[in-house]
């Protein structure tokens, strides 16, 4: 005669499934706060048959390695609120190539060096019927979304006091010394 143990396990499993479903429904019903909605819910931009992916940290790593003017452009925007950088054709091709490939693809190219990205950008973008102007505009939109989210989230978090590393060390003397 069965001991009844499998029935207990089945019951526990069923309860866990029900609880997980309820938790999923609650989580899905609760929208992301403020600027996080734009950062995480707006995905790739499709333009002229090309997918321009949202910003990921790997893209910044590649742009820095390429000494891309997009990095200084972003710094200028943060400091002065103005964009005053022009891109050469090659720089535009590199930016287009990076943002139309996944972070994994960019990482794989980076393992072979920045010249690999330059070569791939020249072949796939510069030597084809690639819609550079449209894709560059879509890249700028993705970067704009990223920057807006970062600025809004930082300002909101600072205002709420939920982060302290943006405040000066006079308010938090233990930050530099590590003391108590």
C-alpha atoms as a PDB file:
ATOM      1  CA  UNK A   1       0.000   0.000   0.000  1.00  0.00           C
ATOM      2  CA  UNK A   2       1.418   3.459  -0.911  1.00  0.00           C
ATOM      3  CA  UNK A   3       2.671   5.549   1.971  1.00  0.00           C
ATOM      4  CA  UNK A   4       1.062   8.803   0.882  1.00  0.00           C
ATOM      5  CA  UNK A   5       4.428  10.572   0.575  1.00  0.00           C
ATOM      6  CA  UNK A   6       4.083  11.210  -3.196  1.00  0.00           C
ATOM      7  CA  UNK A   7       0.723  12.898  -2.539  1.00  0.00           C
ATOM      8  CA  UNK A   8       2.363  15.279  -0.062  1.00  0.00           C
ATOM      9  CA  UNK A   9       5.118  16.119  -2.551  1.00  0.00           C
ATOM     10  CA  UNK A  10       2.569  16.690  -5.328  1.00  0.00           C
ATOM     11  CA  UNK A  11       0.531  18.921  -3.044  1.00  0.00           C
ATOM     12  CA  UNK A  12       3.617  20.972  -2.081  1.00  0.00           C
ATOM     13  CA  UNK A  13       4.598  21.301  -5.735  1.00  0.00           C
ATOM     14  CA  UNK A  14       1.093  22.405  -6.696  1.00  0.00           C
ATOM     15  CA  UNK A  15       1.075  25.004  -3.900  1.00  0.00           C
ATOM     16  CA  UNK A  16       4.454  26.319  -5.051  1.00  0.00           C
ATOM     17  CA  UNK A  17       3.218  26.621  -8.639  1.00  0.00           C
ATOM     18  CA  UNK A  18       0.105  28.503  -7.507  1.00  0.00           C
ATOM     19  CA  UNK A  19       2.178  30.871  -5.347  1.00  0.00           C
ATOM     20  CA  UNK A  20       4.635  31.513  -8.191  1.00  0.00           C
ATOM     21  CA  UNK A  21       1.763  32.274 -10.577  1.00  0.00           C
ATOM     22  CA  UNK A  22       0.218  34.705  -8.097  1.00  0.00           C
ATOM     23  CA  UNK A  23       3.587  36.404  -7.537  1.00  0.00           C
ATOM     24  CA  UNK A  24       4.148  36.687 -11.289  1.00  0.00           C
ATOM     25  CA  UNK A  25       0.726  38.263 -11.787  1.00  0.00           C
ATOM     26  CA  UNK A  26       1.394  40.791  -9.004  1.00  0.00           C
ATOM     27  CA  UNK A  27       4.840  41.647 -10.373  1.00  0.00           C
ATOM     28  CA  UNK A  28       3.490  42.063 -13.898  1.00  0.00           C
ATOM     29  CA  UNK A  29       0.682  44.318 -12.691  1.00  0.00           C
ATOM     30  CA  UNK A  30       3.081  46.645 -10.850  1.00  0.00           C
ATOM     31  CA  UNK A  31       4.750  48.975 -13.369  1.00  0.00           C
ATOM     32  CA  UNK A  32       8.419  49.855 -13.155  1.00  0.00           C
ATOM     33  CA  UNK A  33       9.091  53.128 -11.344  1.00  0.00           C
ATOM     34  CA  UNK A  34       9.631  56.318 -13.303  1.00  0.00           C
ATOM     35  CA  UNK A  35      12.577  56.340 -15.679  1.00  0.00           C
ATOM     36  CA  UNK A  36      13.179  52.603 -15.395  1.00  0.00           C
ATOM     37  CA  UNK A  37      10.161  52.005 -17.620  1.00  0.00           C
ATOM     38  CA  UNK A  38      11.902  53.691 -20.532  1.00  0.00           C
ATOM     39  CA  UNK A  39      15.220  51.991 -19.853  1.00  0.00           C
ATOM     40  CA  UNK A  40      13.903  48.456 -19.659  1.00  0.00           C
ATOM     41  CA  UNK A  41      10.671  48.417 -21.629  1.00  0.00           C
ATOM     42  CA  UNK A  42      11.720  50.168 -24.789  1.00  0.00           C
ATOM     43  CA  UNK A  43      13.695  47.734 -26.818  1.00  0.00           C
ATOM     44  CA  UNK A  44      15.464  47.791 -30.143  1.00  0.00           C
ATOM     45  CA  UNK A  45      14.648  50.348 -32.817  1.00  0.00           C
ATOM     46  CA  UNK A  46      13.939  49.008 -36.293  1.00  0.00           C
ATOM     47  CA  UNK A  47      14.981  51.332 -39.110  1.00  0.00           C
ATOM     48  CA  UNK A  48      15.248  50.479 -42.801  1.00  0.00           C
ATOM     49  CA  UNK A  49      15.339  46.776 -41.990  1.00  0.00           C
ATOM     50  CA  UNK A  50      18.161  47.185 -39.477  1.00  0.00           C
ATOM     51  CA  UNK A  51      17.885  46.576 -35.721  1.00  0.00           C
ATOM     52  CA  UNK A  52      19.542  49.151 -33.456  1.00  0.00           C
ATOM     53  CA  UNK A  53      19.893  47.661 -29.989  1.00  0.00           C
ATOM     54  CA  UNK A  54      19.563  49.538 -26.672  1.00  0.00           C
ATOM     55  CA  UNK A  55      22.756  50.639 -24.949  1.00  0.00           C
ATOM     56  CA  UNK A  56      24.673  47.983 -23.019  1.00  0.00           C
ATOM     57  CA  UNK A  57      27.961  48.473 -21.132  1.00  0.00           C
ATOM     58  CA  UNK A  58      29.879  46.445 -23.745  1.00  0.00           C
ATOM     59  CA  UNK A  59      29.129  49.161 -26.322  1.00  0.00           C
ATOM     60  CA  UNK A  60      30.826  51.790 -24.174  1.00  0.00           C
ATOM     61  CA  UNK A  61      33.827  49.502 -23.737  1.00  0.00           C
ATOM     62  CA  UNK A  62      34.150  49.172 -27.521  1.00  0.00           C
ATOM     63  CA  UNK A  63      33.603  52.897 -28.108  1.00  0.00           C
ATOM     64  CA  UNK A  64      36.334  53.759 -25.588  1.00  0.00           C
ATOM     65  CA  UNK A  65      38.728  51.275 -27.179  1.00  0.00           C
ATOM     66  CA  UNK A  66      38.035  52.855 -30.574  1.00  0.00           C
ATOM     67  CA  UNK A  67      38.522  56.326 -29.086  1.00  0.00           C
ATOM     68  CA  UNK A  68      35.113  57.159 -30.551  1.00  0.00           C
ATOM     69  CA  UNK A  69      33.999  60.785 -30.535  1.00  0.00           C
ATOM     70  CA  UNK A  70      30.637  59.518 -29.269  1.00  0.00           C
ATOM     71  CA  UNK A  71      32.221  59.216 -25.811  1.00  0.00           C
ATOM     72  CA  UNK A  72      33.374  62.859 -25.793  1.00  0.00           C
ATOM     73  CA  UNK A  73      30.021  63.839 -27.300  1.00  0.00           C
ATOM     74  CA  UNK A  74      28.255  62.258 -24.336  1.00  0.00           C
ATOM     75  CA  UNK A  75      30.580  63.993 -21.888  1.00  0.00           C
ATOM     76  CA  UNK A  76      29.862  67.326 -23.608  1.00  0.00           C
ATOM     77  CA  UNK A  77      26.127  66.734 -23.393  1.00  0.00           C
ATOM     78  CA  UNK A  78      26.359  65.987 -19.678  1.00  0.00           C
ATOM     79  CA  UNK A  79      28.538  69.053 -19.009  1.00  0.00           C
ATOM     80  CA  UNK A  80      27.093  71.659 -21.378  1.00  0.00           C
ATOM     81  CA  UNK A  81      23.870  70.191 -22.692  1.00  0.00           C
ATOM     82  CA  UNK A  82      25.108  70.629 -26.281  1.00  0.00           C
ATOM     83  CA  UNK A  83      26.197  68.240 -29.004  1.00  0.00           C
ATOM     84  CA  UNK A  84      29.031  69.713 -31.005  1.00  0.00           C
ATOM     85  CA  UNK A  85      30.914  66.728 -32.412  1.00  0.00           C
ATOM     86  CA  UNK A  86      30.972  65.602 -36.012  1.00  0.00           C
ATOM     87  CA  UNK A  87      31.704  62.058 -37.057  1.00  0.00           C
ATOM     88  CA  UNK A  88      33.945  60.966 -39.891  1.00  0.00           C
ATOM     89  CA  UNK A  89      32.517  58.321 -42.201  1.00  0.00           C
ATOM     90  CA  UNK A  90      34.643  55.640 -40.551  1.00  0.00           C
ATOM     91  CA  UNK A  91      33.538  56.681 -37.057  1.00  0.00           C
ATOM     92  CA  UNK A  92      29.887  56.589 -38.115  1.00  0.00           C
ATOM     93  CA  UNK A  93      30.406  53.109 -39.603  1.00  0.00           C
ATOM     94  CA  UNK A  94      31.963  51.887 -36.344  1.00  0.00           C
ATOM     95  CA  UNK A  95      29.119  53.281 -34.248  1.00  0.00           C
ATOM     96  CA  UNK A  96      26.549  51.771 -36.617  1.00  0.00           C
ATOM     97  CA  UNK A  97      28.301  48.403 -36.529  1.00  0.00           C
ATOM     98  CA  UNK A  98      28.471  48.323 -32.725  1.00  0.00           C
ATOM     99  CA  UNK A  99      24.830  49.249 -32.131  1.00  0.00           C
ATOM    100  CA  UNK A 100      23.502  46.836 -34.752  1.00  0.00           C
ATOM    101  CA  UNK A 101      25.181  43.861 -33.100  1.00  0.00           C
ATOM    102  CA  UNK A 102      24.516  42.217 -29.766  1.00  0.00           C
ATOM    103  CA  UNK A 103      26.803  42.721 -26.802  1.00  0.00           C
ATOM    104  CA  UNK A 104      28.033  39.162 -27.306  1.00  0.00           C
ATOM    105  CA  UNK A 105      28.960  39.833 -30.947  1.00  0.00           C
ATOM    106  CA  UNK A 106      30.782  43.028 -29.958  1.00  0.00           C
ATOM    107  CA  UNK A 107      32.643  41.145 -27.217  1.00  0.00           C
ATOM    108  CA  UNK A 108      33.701  38.444 -29.672  1.00  0.00           C
ATOM    109  CA  UNK A 109      35.019  41.079 -32.080  1.00  0.00           C
ATOM    110  CA  UNK A 110      36.797  42.894 -29.230  1.00  0.00           C
ATOM    111  CA  UNK A 111      38.732  39.728 -28.354  1.00  0.00           C
ATOM    112  CA  UNK A 112      40.414  40.127 -31.742  1.00  0.00           C
ATOM    113  CA  UNK A 113      41.150  43.814 -31.133  1.00  0.00           C
ATOM    114  CA  UNK A 114      39.754  47.150 -32.217  1.00  0.00           C
ATOM    115  CA  UNK A 115      41.043  46.647 -35.743  1.00  0.00           C
ATOM    116  CA  UNK A 116      38.594  43.753 -36.048  1.00  0.00           C
ATOM    117  CA  UNK A 117      35.698  46.110 -35.296  1.00  0.00           C
ATOM    118  CA  UNK A 118      37.071  48.665 -37.737  1.00  0.00           C
ATOM    119  CA  UNK A 119      37.367  46.003 -40.442  1.00  0.00           C
ATOM    120  CA  UNK A 120      33.883  44.605 -39.797  1.00  0.00           C
ATOM    121  CA  UNK A 121      32.425  48.130 -39.795  1.00  0.00           C
ATOM    122  CA  UNK A 122      34.125  48.944 -43.086  1.00  0.00           C
ATOM    123  CA  UNK A 123      32.925  45.749 -44.765  1.00  0.00           C
ATOM    124  CA  UNK A 124      29.402  45.471 -43.312  1.00  0.00           C
ATOM    125  CA  UNK A 125      28.544  49.184 -43.233  1.00  0.00           C
ATOM    126  CA  UNK A 126      30.965  51.192 -45.334  1.00  0.00           C
ATOM    127  CA  UNK A 127      31.044  48.853 -48.314  1.00  0.00           C
ATOM    128  CA  UNK A 128      27.340  48.061 -48.509  1.00  0.00           C
ATOM    129  CA  UNK A 129      24.011  49.757 -49.082  1.00  0.00           C
ATOM    130  CA  UNK A 130      23.753  50.438 -45.359  1.00  0.00           C
ATOM    131  CA  UNK A 131      21.409  53.268 -44.242  1.00  0.00           C
ATOM    132  CA  UNK A 132      24.134  55.042 -42.210  1.00  0.00           C
ATOM    133  CA  UNK A 133      22.242  58.315 -41.613  1.00  0.00           C
ATOM    134  CA  UNK A 134      19.073  56.564 -40.446  1.00  0.00           C
ATOM    135  CA  UNK A 135      20.921  54.087 -38.238  1.00  0.00           C
ATOM    136  CA  UNK A 136      23.074  56.855 -36.746  1.00  0.00           C
ATOM    137  CA  UNK A 137      19.892  58.753 -35.854  1.00  0.00           C
ATOM    138  CA  UNK A 138      18.472  55.604 -34.232  1.00  0.00           C
ATOM    139  CA  UNK A 139      21.737  55.113 -32.296  1.00  0.00           C
ATOM    140  CA  UNK A 140      21.469  58.678 -31.014  1.00  0.00           C
ATOM    141  CA  UNK A 141      17.895  57.945 -29.910  1.00  0.00           C
ATOM    142  CA  UNK A 142      19.071  54.863 -28.002  1.00  0.00           C
ATOM    143  CA  UNK A 143      21.870  56.881 -26.381  1.00  0.00           C
ATOM    144  CA  UNK A 144      19.392  59.658 -25.541  1.00  0.00           C
ATOM    145  CA  UNK A 145      17.072  57.139 -23.853  1.00  0.00           C
ATOM    146  CA  UNK A 146      20.009  55.740 -21.898  1.00  0.00           C
ATOM    147  CA  UNK A 147      21.222  59.155 -20.760  1.00  0.00           C
ATOM    148  CA  UNK A 148      17.733  60.394 -19.863  1.00  0.00           C
ATOM    149  CA  UNK A 149      17.183  57.317 -17.749  1.00  0.00           C
ATOM    150  CA  UNK A 150      20.533  57.676 -15.997  1.00  0.00           C
ATOM    151  CA  UNK A 151      19.988  61.369 -15.262  1.00  0.00           C
ATOM    152  CA  UNK A 152      16.382  60.957 -14.097  1.00  0.00           C
ATOM    153  CA  UNK A 153      17.115  57.902 -11.992  1.00  0.00           C
ATOM    154  CA  UNK A 154      20.132  59.541 -10.359  1.00  0.00           C
ATOM    155  CA  UNK A 155      18.218  62.749  -9.630  1.00  0.00           C
ATOM    156  CA  UNK A 156      15.249  60.826  -8.247  1.00  0.00           C
ATOM    157  CA  UNK A 157      17.425  58.580  -6.090  1.00  0.00           C
ATOM    158  CA  UNK A 158      19.422  61.543  -4.787  1.00  0.00           C
ATOM    159  CA  UNK A 159      16.232  63.468  -3.993  1.00  0.00           C
ATOM    160  CA  UNK A 160      14.799  60.488  -2.121  1.00  0.00           C
ATOM    161  CA  UNK A 161      18.085  60.008  -0.288  1.00  0.00           C
ATOM    162  CA  UNK A 162      18.202  56.387  -1.356  1.00  0.00           C
ATOM    163  CA  UNK A 163      21.788  56.741  -2.533  1.00  0.00           C
ATOM    164  CA  UNK A 164      24.619  58.469  -0.772  1.00  0.00           C
ATOM    165  CA  UNK A 165      27.576  58.126  -3.130  1.00  0.00           C
ATOM    166  CA  UNK A 166      26.429  61.188  -5.115  1.00  0.00           C
ATOM    167  CA  UNK A 167      26.664  63.369  -2.040  1.00  0.00           C
ATOM    168  CA  UNK A 168      29.875  65.080  -1.042  1.00  0.00           C
ATOM    169  CA  UNK A 169      32.117  63.548   1.610  1.00  0.00           C
ATOM    170  CA  UNK A 170      31.374  66.381   4.083  1.00  0.00           C
ATOM    171  CA  UNK A 171      27.894  64.915   4.581  1.00  0.00           C
ATOM    172  CA  UNK A 172      29.288  61.400   4.876  1.00  0.00           C
ATOM    173  CA  UNK A 173      32.743  61.676   6.500  1.00  0.00           C
ATOM    174  CA  UNK A 174      33.076  57.899   6.845  1.00  0.00           C
ATOM    175  CA  UNK A 175      32.976  57.330   3.089  1.00  0.00           C
ATOM    176  CA  UNK A 176      36.623  58.260   2.561  1.00  0.00           C
ATOM    177  CA  UNK A 177      38.047  56.921   5.811  1.00  0.00           C
ATOM    178  CA  UNK A 178      36.008  53.774   6.065  1.00  0.00           C
ATOM    179  CA  UNK A 179      35.633  54.527   9.788  1.00  0.00           C
ATOM    180  CA  UNK A 180      32.531  54.451  11.900  1.00  0.00           C
END
